[in-house]
C-alpha atoms as a PDB file:
ATOM      1  CA  MET A   1       6.551  31.855 -49.066  1.00  0.00           C
ATOM      2  CA  CYS A   2       2.920  32.740 -48.344  1.00  0.00           C
ATOM      3  CA  ILE A   3       2.044  29.129 -47.517  1.00  0.00           C
ATOM      4  CA  LYS A   4       5.106  28.835 -45.258  1.00  0.00           C
ATOM      5  CA  PHE A   5       3.940  31.955 -43.387  1.00  0.00           C
ATOM      6  CA  THR A   6       0.456  30.446 -43.052  1.00  0.00           C
ATOM      7  CA  VAL A   7       1.824  27.238 -41.568  1.00  0.00           C
ATOM      8  CA  GLU A   8       4.228  28.969 -39.181  1.00  0.00           C
ATOM      9  CA  ASN A   9       1.623  31.406 -37.833  1.00  0.00           C
ATOM     10  CA  ASP A  10      -1.174  28.953 -37.032  1.00  0.00           C
ATOM     11  CA  ILE A  11      -3.612  30.423 -39.566  1.00  0.00           C
ATOM     12  CA  ASP A  12      -6.934  28.636 -40.103  1.00  0.00           C
ATOM     13  CA  TYR A  13      -7.644  29.398 -43.767  1.00  0.00           C
ATOM     14  CA  ILE A  14      -5.634  30.392 -46.804  1.00  0.00           C
ATOM     15  CA  GLY A  15      -7.279  32.383 -49.598  1.00  0.00           C
ATOM     16  CA  LEU A  16      -6.276  31.458 -53.136  1.00  0.00           C
ATOM     17  CA  SER A  17      -6.590  34.288 -55.660  1.00  0.00           C
ATOM     18  CA  TYR A  18      -7.155  33.984 -59.397  1.00  0.00           C
ATOM     19  CA  VAL A  19      -8.239  30.368 -59.246  1.00  0.00           C
ATOM     20  CA  ARG A  20      -8.788  29.048 -62.764  1.00  0.00           C
ATOM     21  CA  LYS A  21      -9.412  25.339 -62.261  1.00  0.00           C
ATOM     22  CA  ALA A  22      -9.718  22.664 -59.580  1.00  0.00           C
ATOM     23  CA  GLU A  23      -6.061  21.694 -59.982  1.00  0.00           C
ATOM     24  CA  ASP A  24      -5.040  25.097 -58.573  1.00  0.00           C
ATOM     25  CA  ILE A  25      -6.727  24.176 -55.286  1.00  0.00           C
ATOM     26  CA  GLU A  26      -5.328  20.653 -55.302  1.00  0.00           C
ATOM     27  CA  ASN A  27      -1.776  21.938 -55.832  1.00  0.00           C
ATOM     28  CA  VAL A  28      -2.025  24.156 -52.740  1.00  0.00           C
ATOM     29  CA  ARG A  29      -3.539  21.301 -50.751  1.00  0.00           C
ATOM     30  CA  ASP A  30      -0.610  19.066 -51.713  1.00  0.00           C
ATOM     31  CA  ILE A  31       1.843  21.702 -50.456  1.00  0.00           C
ATOM     32  CA  LEU A  32      -0.056  22.023 -47.164  1.00  0.00           C
ATOM     33  CA  LYS A  33       0.082  18.238 -46.761  1.00  0.00           C
ATOM     34  CA  ARG A  34       3.856  18.301 -47.239  1.00  0.00           C
ATOM     35  CA  TYR A  35       4.037  20.798 -44.387  1.00  0.00           C
ATOM     36  CA  GLY A  36       1.884  18.475 -42.285  1.00  0.00           C
ATOM     37  CA  ARG A  37      -0.992  20.982 -42.176  1.00  0.00           C
ATOM     38  CA  SER A  38      -3.776  19.441 -44.219  1.00  0.00           C
ATOM     39  CA  ASP A  39      -6.162  20.878 -41.606  1.00  0.00           C
ATOM     40  CA  ILE A  40      -5.734  24.408 -43.004  1.00  0.00           C
ATOM     41  CA  GLY A  41      -8.804  25.294 -45.055  1.00  0.00           C
ATOM     42  CA  ILE A  42      -8.566  26.649 -48.602  1.00  0.00           C
ATOM     43  CA  ILE A  43     -10.811  29.510 -49.714  1.00  0.00           C
ATOM     44  CA  ALA A  44     -11.195  29.648 -53.496  1.00  0.00           C
ATOM     45  CA  LYS A  45     -11.700  33.198 -54.763  1.00  0.00           C
ATOM     46  CA  ILE A  46     -13.997  33.270 -57.777  1.00  0.00           C
ATOM     47  CA  GLU A  47     -12.891  36.268 -59.820  1.00  0.00           C
ATOM     48  CA  THR A  48     -11.993  35.147 -63.364  1.00  0.00           C
ATOM     49  CA  LYS A  49     -13.849  33.865 -66.416  1.00  0.00           C
ATOM     50  CA  ASN A  50     -12.092  30.512 -66.137  1.00  0.00           C
ATOM     51  CA  ALA A  51     -13.160  30.219 -62.497  1.00  0.00           C
ATOM     52  CA  VAL A  52     -16.795  30.752 -63.487  1.00  0.00           C
ATOM     53  CA  LYS A  53     -16.420  28.299 -66.378  1.00  0.00           C
ATOM     54  CA  ASN A  54     -14.971  25.624 -64.069  1.00  0.00           C
ATOM     55  CA  LEU A  55     -17.093  26.577 -61.065  1.00  0.00           C
ATOM     56  CA  ASP A  56     -18.560  23.137 -60.346  1.00  0.00           C
ATOM     57  CA  ASP A  57     -15.139  21.472 -60.269  1.00  0.00           C
ATOM     58  CA  ILE A  58     -13.651  24.236 -58.107  1.00  0.00           C
ATOM     59  CA  ILE A  59     -16.492  24.025 -55.575  1.00  0.00           C
ATOM     60  CA  GLU A  60     -16.014  20.261 -55.368  1.00  0.00           C
ATOM     61  CA  VAL A  61     -12.417  20.542 -54.084  1.00  0.00           C
ATOM     62  CA  SER A  62     -12.637  23.755 -52.020  1.00  0.00           C
ATOM     63  CA  ASP A  63     -13.294  24.173 -48.304  1.00  0.00           C
ATOM     64  CA  VAL A  64     -14.869  27.610 -48.785  1.00  0.00           C
ATOM     65  CA  VAL A  65     -15.737  29.673 -51.867  1.00  0.00           C
ATOM     66  CA  LEU A  66     -15.484  33.467 -51.998  1.00  0.00           C
ATOM     67  CA  VAL A  67     -17.342  35.663 -54.497  1.00  0.00           C
ATOM     68  CA  ALA A  68     -14.724  38.336 -55.239  1.00  0.00           C
ATOM     69  CA  ARG A  69     -16.982  40.940 -56.809  1.00  0.00           C
ATOM     70  CA  GLY A  70     -14.230  43.483 -57.425  1.00  0.00           C
ATOM     71  CA  ASP A  71     -12.250  41.385 -59.881  1.00  0.00           C
ATOM     72  CA  LEU A  72     -15.407  39.807 -61.287  1.00  0.00           C
ATOM     73  CA  GLY A  73     -16.385  43.353 -62.224  1.00  0.00           C
ATOM     74  CA  MET A  74     -13.103  43.692 -64.121  1.00  0.00           C
ATOM     75  CA  ASN A  75     -13.695  40.496 -66.100  1.00  0.00           C
ATOM     76  CA  PHE A  76     -17.448  40.678 -66.681  1.00  0.00           C
ATOM     77  CA  GLY A  77     -19.938  43.420 -67.420  1.00  0.00           C
ATOM     78  CA  LEU A  78     -21.149  45.185 -64.278  1.00  0.00           C
ATOM     79  CA  GLU A  79     -24.712  44.222 -65.154  1.00  0.00           C
ATOM     80  CA  GLU A  80     -23.697  40.549 -64.785  1.00  0.00           C
ATOM     81  CA  ILE A  81     -22.354  40.733 -61.227  1.00  0.00           C
ATOM     82  CA  HIS A  82     -25.613  40.108 -59.358  1.00  0.00           C
ATOM     83  CA  HIS A  83     -26.359  37.110 -61.586  1.00  0.00           C
ATOM     84  CA  LEU A  84     -22.860  35.701 -61.018  1.00  0.00           C
ATOM     85  CA  GLN A  85     -23.106  36.215 -57.265  1.00  0.00           C
ATOM     86  CA  LYS A  86     -26.420  34.357 -57.145  1.00  0.00           C
ATOM     87  CA  LEU A  87     -25.059  31.611 -59.400  1.00  0.00           C
ATOM     88  CA  VAL A  88     -22.090  30.953 -57.118  1.00  0.00           C
ATOM     89  CA  VAL A  89     -24.135  31.145 -53.909  1.00  0.00           C
ATOM     90  CA  ASP A  90     -26.844  28.794 -55.216  1.00  0.00           C
ATOM     91  CA  LYS A  91     -24.296  26.242 -56.404  1.00  0.00           C
ATOM     92  CA  CYS A  92     -22.496  26.364 -53.053  1.00  0.00           C
ATOM     93  CA  LEU A  93     -25.777  25.882 -51.195  1.00  0.00           C
ATOM     94  CA  LYS A  94     -26.629  22.828 -53.301  1.00  0.00           C
ATOM     95  CA  LYS A  95     -23.110  21.417 -52.927  1.00  0.00           C
ATOM     96  CA  ARG A  96     -23.144  22.308 -49.204  1.00  0.00           C
ATOM     97  CA  ILE A  97     -19.905  24.298 -49.386  1.00  0.00           C
ATOM     98  CA  PRO A  98     -19.552  27.503 -47.292  1.00  0.00           C
ATOM     99  CA  VAL A  99     -19.654  30.718 -49.332  1.00  0.00           C
ATOM    100  CA  ILE A 100     -18.489  34.283 -48.661  1.00  0.00           C
ATOM    101  CA  VAL A 101     -19.397  37.484 -50.503  1.00  0.00           C
ATOM    102  CA  ALA A 102     -16.778  40.242 -50.551  1.00  0.00           C
ATOM    103  CA  THR A 103     -15.799  43.609 -52.045  1.00  0.00           C
ATOM    104  CA  GLN A 104     -17.558  46.981 -52.057  1.00  0.00           C
ATOM    105  CA  LEU A 105     -20.173  45.966 -49.524  1.00  0.00           C
ATOM    106  CA  LEU A 106     -19.932  49.325 -47.756  1.00  0.00           C
ATOM    107  CA  GLU A 107     -17.527  51.101 -50.114  1.00  0.00           C
ATOM    108  CA  SER A 108     -18.759  54.610 -49.288  1.00  0.00           C
ATOM    109  CA  MET A 109     -17.637  54.082 -45.688  1.00  0.00           C
ATOM    110  CA  MET A 110     -14.034  54.396 -46.775  1.00  0.00           C
ATOM    111  CA  GLU A 111     -14.817  58.115 -46.490  1.00  0.00           C
ATOM    112  CA  ASN A 112     -18.176  58.379 -44.705  1.00  0.00           C
ATOM    113  CA  THR A 113     -19.369  57.234 -41.287  1.00  0.00           C
ATOM    114  CA  VAL A 114     -22.663  55.778 -42.575  1.00  0.00           C
ATOM    115  CA  PRO A 115     -23.389  53.548 -45.586  1.00  0.00           C
ATOM    116  CA  THR A 116     -25.617  54.490 -48.499  1.00  0.00           C
ATOM    117  CA  ARG A 117     -29.147  53.110 -48.795  1.00  0.00           C
ATOM    118  CA  ALA A 118     -28.067  51.122 -51.836  1.00  0.00           C
ATOM    119  CA  GLU A 119     -25.249  49.480 -49.860  1.00  0.00           C
ATOM    120  CA  VAL A 120     -27.626  48.477 -47.078  1.00  0.00           C
ATOM    121  CA  VAL A 121     -29.911  46.858 -49.660  1.00  0.00           C
ATOM    122  CA  ASP A 122     -26.948  45.123 -51.345  1.00  0.00           C
ATOM    123  CA  VAL A 123     -25.769  43.618 -48.054  1.00  0.00           C
ATOM    124  CA  SER A 124     -29.335  42.576 -47.191  1.00  0.00           C
ATOM    125  CA  ILE A 125     -29.731  40.771 -50.517  1.00  0.00           C
ATOM    126  CA  ALA A 126     -26.517  38.817 -49.933  1.00  0.00           C
ATOM    127  CA  ILE A 127     -27.760  37.740 -46.499  1.00  0.00           C
ATOM    128  CA  GLU A 128     -31.111  36.679 -47.944  1.00  0.00           C
ATOM    129  CA  MET A 129     -29.291  34.533 -50.510  1.00  0.00           C
ATOM    130  CA  GLY A 130     -27.996  32.443 -47.593  1.00  0.00           C
ATOM    131  CA  VAL A 131     -24.272  33.274 -47.580  1.00  0.00           C
ATOM    132  CA  ASP A 132     -22.120  32.118 -44.675  1.00  0.00           C
ATOM    133  CA  ALA A 133     -20.137  35.320 -44.293  1.00  0.00           C
ATOM    134  CA  LEU A 134     -19.634  38.851 -45.605  1.00  0.00           C
ATOM    135  CA  MET A 135     -16.105  40.204 -45.910  1.00  0.00           C
ATOM    136  CA  LEU A 136     -15.149  43.854 -45.863  1.00  0.00           C
ATOM    137  CA  THR A 137     -12.033  44.724 -47.872  1.00  0.00           C
ATOM    138  CA  GLY A 138     -11.066  48.331 -48.569  1.00  0.00           C
ATOM    139  CA  GLU A 139     -13.420  49.551 -45.853  1.00  0.00           C
ATOM    140  CA  THR A 140     -11.193  48.060 -43.154  1.00  0.00           C
ATOM    141  CA  SER A 141      -7.801  47.868 -44.889  1.00  0.00           C
ATOM    142  CA  ALA A 142      -7.620  51.435 -46.198  1.00  0.00           C
ATOM    143  CA  GLY A 143     -10.807  53.234 -45.154  1.00  0.00           C
ATOM    144  CA  LYS A 144     -11.046  56.090 -42.677  1.00  0.00           C
ATOM    145  CA  HIS A 145     -13.733  54.437 -40.536  1.00  0.00           C
ATOM    146  CA  PRO A 146     -12.927  50.691 -40.236  1.00  0.00           C
ATOM    147  CA  LEU A 147     -14.592  50.192 -36.848  1.00  0.00           C
ATOM    148  CA  GLU A 148     -17.770  51.999 -37.913  1.00  0.00           C
ATOM    149  CA  ALA A 149     -17.886  49.872 -41.079  1.00  0.00           C
ATOM    150  CA  VAL A 150     -17.760  46.653 -39.055  1.00  0.00           C
ATOM    151  CA  LYS A 151     -20.409  47.938 -36.643  1.00  0.00           C
ATOM    152  CA  TRP A 152     -22.715  48.910 -39.509  1.00  0.00           C
ATOM    153  CA  LEU A 153     -22.264  45.564 -41.234  1.00  0.00           C
ATOM    154  CA  LYS A 154     -23.121  43.734 -38.009  1.00  0.00           C
ATOM    155  CA  LYS A 155     -26.119  46.020 -37.462  1.00  0.00           C
ATOM    156  CA  ILE A 156     -27.490  45.198 -40.915  1.00  0.00           C
ATOM    157  CA  VAL A 157     -26.828  41.476 -40.479  1.00  0.00           C
ATOM    158  CA  ASP A 158     -28.515  41.340 -37.064  1.00  0.00           C
ATOM    159  CA  PHE A 159     -31.626  43.103 -38.370  1.00  0.00           C
ATOM    160  CA  VAL A 160     -31.980  41.130 -41.594  1.00  0.00           C
ATOM    161  CA  GLU A 161     -31.429  37.768 -39.892  1.00  0.00           C
ATOM    162  CA  ARG A 162     -34.403  38.464 -37.620  1.00  0.00           C
ATOM    163  CA  HIS A 163     -36.705  39.043 -40.601  1.00  0.00           C
ATOM    164  CA  ILE A 164     -35.748  36.574 -43.343  1.00  0.00           C
ATOM    165  CA  HIS A 165     -37.754  33.487 -42.472  1.00  0.00           C
ATOM    166  CA  LYS A 166     -38.977  32.968 -46.053  1.00  0.00           C
ATOM    167  CA  SER A 167     -35.482  33.373 -47.518  1.00  0.00           C
ATOM    168  CA  ILE A 168     -34.012  30.947 -44.980  1.00  0.00           C
ATOM    169  CA  ASN A 169     -36.655  28.380 -45.899  1.00  0.00           C
ATOM    170  CA  GLU A 170     -35.649  28.712 -49.561  1.00  0.00           C
ATOM    171  CA  ALA A 171     -31.933  28.390 -48.749  1.00  0.00           C
ATOM    172  CA  SER A 172     -32.638  25.390 -46.493  1.00  0.00           C
ATOM    173  CA  SER A 173     -34.633  23.655 -49.217  1.00  0.00           C
ATOM    174  CA  LYS A 174     -31.809  24.072 -51.746  1.00  0.00           C
ATOM    175  CA  ALA A 175     -29.227  22.790 -49.271  1.00  0.00           C
ATOM    176  CA  ARG A 176     -31.234  19.693 -48.298  1.00  0.00           C
ATOM    177  CA  GLU A 177     -31.947  18.363 -51.787  1.00  0.00           C
ATOM    178  CA  GLY A 178     -30.527  15.035 -52.942  1.00  0.00           C
ATOM    179  CA  LEU A 179     -28.760  13.890 -49.770  1.00  0.00           C
ATOM    180  CA  GLU A 180     -27.127  10.506 -50.376  1.00  0.00           C
ATOM    181  CA  ASP A 181     -24.313  10.480 -47.811  1.00  0.00           C
ATOM    182  CA  LEU A 182     -25.347   8.635 -44.623  1.00  0.00           C
ATOM    183  CA  ARG A 183     -23.758  11.254 -42.364  1.00  0.00           C
ATOM    184  CA  LEU A 184     -25.664  14.051 -44.069  1.00  0.00           C
ATOM    185  CA  ARG A 185     -28.924  12.128 -43.800  1.00  0.00           C
ATOM    186  CA  PHE A 186     -28.298  11.523 -40.092  1.00  0.00           C
ATOM    187  CA  THR A 187     -27.541  15.226 -39.647  1.00  0.00           C
ATOM    188  CA  LYS A 188     -30.666  16.236 -41.551  1.00  0.00           C
ATOM    189  CA  GLY A 189     -32.779  13.900 -39.420  1.00  0.00           C
ATOM    190  CA  VAL A 190     -31.480  15.329 -36.145  1.00  0.00           C
ATOM    191  CA  LEU A 191     -31.812  18.901 -37.398  1.00  0.00           C
ATOM    192  CA  GLU A 192     -35.372  18.462 -38.640  1.00  0.00           C
ATOM    193  CA  LEU A 193     -36.340  16.712 -35.402  1.00  0.00           C
ATOM    194  CA  ALA A 194     -35.204  19.806 -33.494  1.00  0.00           C
ATOM    195  CA  GLU A 195     -36.945  22.104 -35.979  1.00  0.00           C
ATOM    196  CA  ASP A 196     -40.223  20.167 -35.824  1.00  0.00           C
ATOM    197  CA  ILE A 197     -40.452  20.413 -32.030  1.00  0.00           C
ATOM    198  CA  GLU A 198     -39.063  23.994 -32.029  1.00  0.00           C
ATOM    199  CA  ALA A 199     -36.106  23.035 -29.855  1.00  0.00           C
ATOM    200  CA  LYS A 200     -32.622  24.493 -29.668  1.00  0.00           C
ATOM    201  CA  LEU A 201     -29.954  22.154 -31.018  1.00  0.00           C
ATOM    202  CA  PHE A 202     -26.770  21.484 -29.030  1.00  0.00           C
ATOM    203  CA  VAL A 203     -23.849  19.690 -30.674  1.00  0.00           C
ATOM    204  CA  PHE A 204     -20.646  18.555 -29.008  1.00  0.00           C
ATOM    205  CA  SER A 205     -17.957  18.194 -31.655  1.00  0.00           C
ATOM    206  CA  MET A 206     -14.324  17.119 -31.283  1.00  0.00           C
ATOM    207  CA  TYR A 207     -13.404  17.777 -34.906  1.00  0.00           C
ATOM    208  CA  GLY A 208     -16.143  20.095 -36.187  1.00  0.00           C
ATOM    209  CA  ASN A 209     -17.427  17.844 -38.957  1.00  0.00           C
ATOM    210  CA  THR A 210     -20.967  17.401 -37.648  1.00  0.00           C
ATOM    211  CA  ALA A 211     -21.247  21.116 -36.900  1.00  0.00           C
ATOM    212  CA  LYS A 212     -20.152  21.963 -40.431  1.00  0.00           C
ATOM    213  CA  ARG A 213     -22.711  19.577 -41.920  1.00  0.00           C
ATOM    214  CA  ILE A 214     -25.455  21.163 -39.813  1.00  0.00           C
ATOM    215  CA  SER A 215     -24.449  24.639 -40.985  1.00  0.00           C
ATOM    216  CA  THR A 216     -24.505  23.641 -44.654  1.00  0.00           C
ATOM    217  CA  LEU A 217     -28.134  22.508 -44.238  1.00  0.00           C
ATOM    218  CA  ARG A 218     -29.080  26.067 -43.176  1.00  0.00           C
ATOM    219  CA  PRO A 219     -30.852  25.381 -39.848  1.00  0.00           C
ATOM    220  CA  ARG A 220     -34.001  27.343 -39.029  1.00  0.00           C
ATOM    221  CA  ILE A 221     -33.396  27.124 -35.266  1.00  0.00           C
ATOM    222  CA  PRO A 222     -30.607  28.250 -32.908  1.00  0.00           C
ATOM    223  CA  VAL A 223     -27.639  25.845 -33.032  1.00  0.00           C
ATOM    224  CA  TYR A 224     -24.970  25.780 -30.314  1.00  0.00           C
ATOM    225  CA  VAL A 225     -21.702  23.953 -30.910  1.00  0.00           C
ATOM    226  CA  ALA A 226     -19.181  23.127 -28.192  1.00  0.00           C
ATOM    227  CA  SER A 227     -15.669  21.770 -28.630  1.00  0.00           C
ATOM    228  CA  PRO A 228     -12.557  21.399 -26.467  1.00  0.00           C
ATOM    229  CA  ASP A 229     -10.409  22.401 -29.456  1.00  0.00           C
ATOM    230  CA  ILE A 230     -10.098  26.163 -29.940  1.00  0.00           C
ATOM    231  CA  HIS A 231      -8.736  25.610 -33.458  1.00  0.00           C
ATOM    232  CA  VAL A 232     -11.923  23.763 -34.404  1.00  0.00           C
ATOM    233  CA  LEU A 233     -14.035  26.617 -33.051  1.00  0.00           C
ATOM    234  CA  ARG A 234     -11.995  29.187 -34.961  1.00  0.00           C
ATOM    235  CA  LYS A 235     -12.568  27.348 -38.230  1.00  0.00           C
ATOM    236  CA  LEU A 236     -16.275  26.952 -37.499  1.00  0.00           C
ATOM    237  CA  SER A 237     -16.692  30.662 -36.772  1.00  0.00           C
ATOM    238  CA  ILE A 238     -16.830  31.463 -40.489  1.00  0.00           C
ATOM    239  CA  LEU A 239     -19.853  29.194 -41.019  1.00  0.00           C
ATOM    240  CA  TRP A 240     -23.528  30.087 -41.160  1.00  0.00           C
ATOM    241  CA  GLY A 241     -25.796  29.843 -38.139  1.00  0.00           C
ATOM    242  CA  LEU A 242     -23.485  28.404 -35.465  1.00  0.00           C
ATOM    243  CA  ASN A 243     -23.101  29.763 -31.927  1.00  0.00           C
ATOM    244  CA  LEU A 244     -19.807  28.515 -30.511  1.00  0.00           C
ATOM    245  CA  LEU A 245     -18.795  27.478 -26.988  1.00  0.00           C
ATOM    246  CA  HIS A 246     -15.396  26.393 -25.691  1.00  0.00           C
ATOM    247  CA  VAL A 247     -15.759  23.440 -23.320  1.00  0.00           C
ATOM    248  CA  GLU A 248     -12.914  21.394 -21.824  1.00  0.00           C
ATOM    249  CA  ALA A 249     -13.860  17.730 -22.029  1.00  0.00           C
ATOM    250  CA  LYS A 250     -12.177  14.415 -22.829  1.00  0.00           C
ATOM    251  CA  SER A 251     -15.272  12.481 -23.861  1.00  0.00           C
ATOM    252  CA  TYR A 252     -18.512  13.152 -25.692  1.00  0.00           C
ATOM    253  CA  GLU A 253     -20.541  12.350 -22.580  1.00  0.00           C
ATOM    254  CA  GLU A 254     -18.601  14.839 -20.464  1.00  0.00           C
ATOM    255  CA  GLY A 255     -18.675  17.395 -23.263  1.00  0.00           C
ATOM    256  CA  MET A 256     -22.446  17.283 -23.670  1.00  0.00           C
ATOM    257  CA  GLN A 257     -23.005  17.739 -19.934  1.00  0.00           C
ATOM    258  CA  LYS A 258     -20.601  20.674 -19.681  1.00  0.00           C
ATOM    259  CA  MET A 259     -21.985  22.237 -22.861  1.00  0.00           C
ATOM    260  CA  LEU A 260     -25.524  22.279 -21.524  1.00  0.00           C
ATOM    261  CA  LYS A 261     -24.377  23.573 -18.127  1.00  0.00           C
ATOM    262  CA  LYS A 262     -22.498  26.432 -19.786  1.00  0.00           C
ATOM    263  CA  ALA A 263     -25.458  27.249 -22.022  1.00  0.00           C
ATOM    264  CA  ILE A 264     -27.762  27.549 -19.000  1.00  0.00           C
ATOM    265  CA  GLU A 265     -25.224  29.664 -17.099  1.00  0.00           C
ATOM    266  CA  ASN A 266     -24.926  32.029 -20.078  1.00  0.00           C
ATOM    267  CA  SER A 267     -28.728  32.239 -20.556  1.00  0.00           C
ATOM    268  CA  LEU A 268     -28.519  30.667 -24.023  1.00  0.00           C
ATOM    269  CA  VAL A 269     -31.352  28.358 -23.058  1.00  0.00           C
ATOM    270  CA  SER A 270     -34.016  28.921 -20.417  1.00  0.00           C
ATOM    271  CA  TYR A 271     -35.831  26.649 -18.009  1.00  0.00           C
ATOM    272  CA  GLY A 272     -38.820  25.074 -19.692  1.00  0.00           C
ATOM    273  CA  GLU A 273     -37.351  25.210 -23.212  1.00  0.00           C
ATOM    274  CA  LEU A 274     -36.790  22.095 -25.298  1.00  0.00           C
ATOM    275  CA  ALA A 275     -33.259  21.089 -26.272  1.00  0.00           C
ATOM    276  CA  VAL A 276     -31.927  18.401 -28.598  1.00  0.00           C
ATOM    277  CA  LEU A 277     -28.401  17.180 -27.781  1.00  0.00           C
ATOM    278  CA  THR A 278     -26.214  15.184 -30.147  1.00  0.00           C
ATOM    279  CA  TYR A 279     -22.699  14.529 -31.371  1.00  0.00           C
ATOM    280  CA  GLY A 280     -21.028  13.252 -34.529  1.00  0.00           C
ATOM    281  CA  LEU A 281     -20.799   9.949 -36.323  1.00  0.00           C
ATOM    282  CA  ARG A 282     -17.201   9.144 -35.345  1.00  0.00           C
ATOM    283  CA  GLU A 283     -18.489   7.352 -32.252  1.00  0.00           C
ATOM    284  CA  PRO A 284     -19.655   3.736 -32.820  1.00  0.00           C
ATOM    285  CA  LYS A 285     -22.726   4.451 -30.716  1.00  0.00           C
ATOM    286  CA  GLN A 286     -24.869   7.452 -31.641  1.00  0.00           C
ATOM    287  CA  ARG A 287     -26.807   9.515 -29.171  1.00  0.00           C
ATOM    288  CA  VAL A 288     -29.657  11.950 -29.695  1.00  0.00           C
ATOM    289  CA  GLU A 289     -31.272  13.214 -26.511  1.00  0.00           C
ATOM    290  CA  ILE A 290     -34.390  15.359 -26.184  1.00  0.00           C
ATOM    291  CA  LEU A 291     -34.934  17.126 -22.900  1.00  0.00           C
ATOM    292  CA  ARG A 292     -36.862  19.978 -21.377  1.00  0.00           C
ATOM    293  CA  ILE A 293     -34.533  22.248 -19.440  1.00  0.00           C
ATOM    294  CA  GLY A 294     -35.096  22.075 -15.693  1.00  0.00           C
ATOM    295  CA  SER A 295     -37.402  19.079 -15.707  1.00  0.00           C
END
């Protein structure tokens, strides 16, 4: 019934609770395929002892992994939760699978209009670990101050992201180890080219695959992704480090031109700055262009 609702209401991801093994994910994926919606992403919630035991296999078949700290705290000692969170995040970074941390991030804001100092530190630590997203639960579903909770979470994220250069370097290093897939190596090469010359990276993506690969490598520079498909952009919005643009285009060439034009119009890139433009490996001919804006 839940999966039918997901399919009928054009939802981008489905969260699977109490995952125990990889087969749980594969069973849901088979059902989605029967509905003709294999594009819907599956988020595996890690919250049981079996999920932790079979973590590597679960990560391998999931689109996104979620650290569900509330139920983990019911199945493990509270003193173990930080270790488990770091374990899951590190494994996801190395496997290049998006990861979310959820539950009791700003729990006190269910009643209060400001978070505690400890909550601010907790959220900051999760960001420094390199997670893709943070998810509020009770704060927005049952709390008295849902809007304030979201604003505070964004405020913390914005501040920490401006000051975590060392942590990002560590996350990037973990994510870029042992790349064997040709597409990942191409992506890494383009990304590190942009990083080395301190350029902004612009990616036009029809399907979102190249953008996702870039995100999993934890870029150290601003990355802008344009697509004509709003569904692709919605799915990418959960990923780390991507700034998204909707651009109507029927070809990669047209898309790259319109993407750059829109970026200039919206002051995302300034005259005189360096930009690296690229697109994915679906095209038989690859293009990587370096240009200085306005020259």
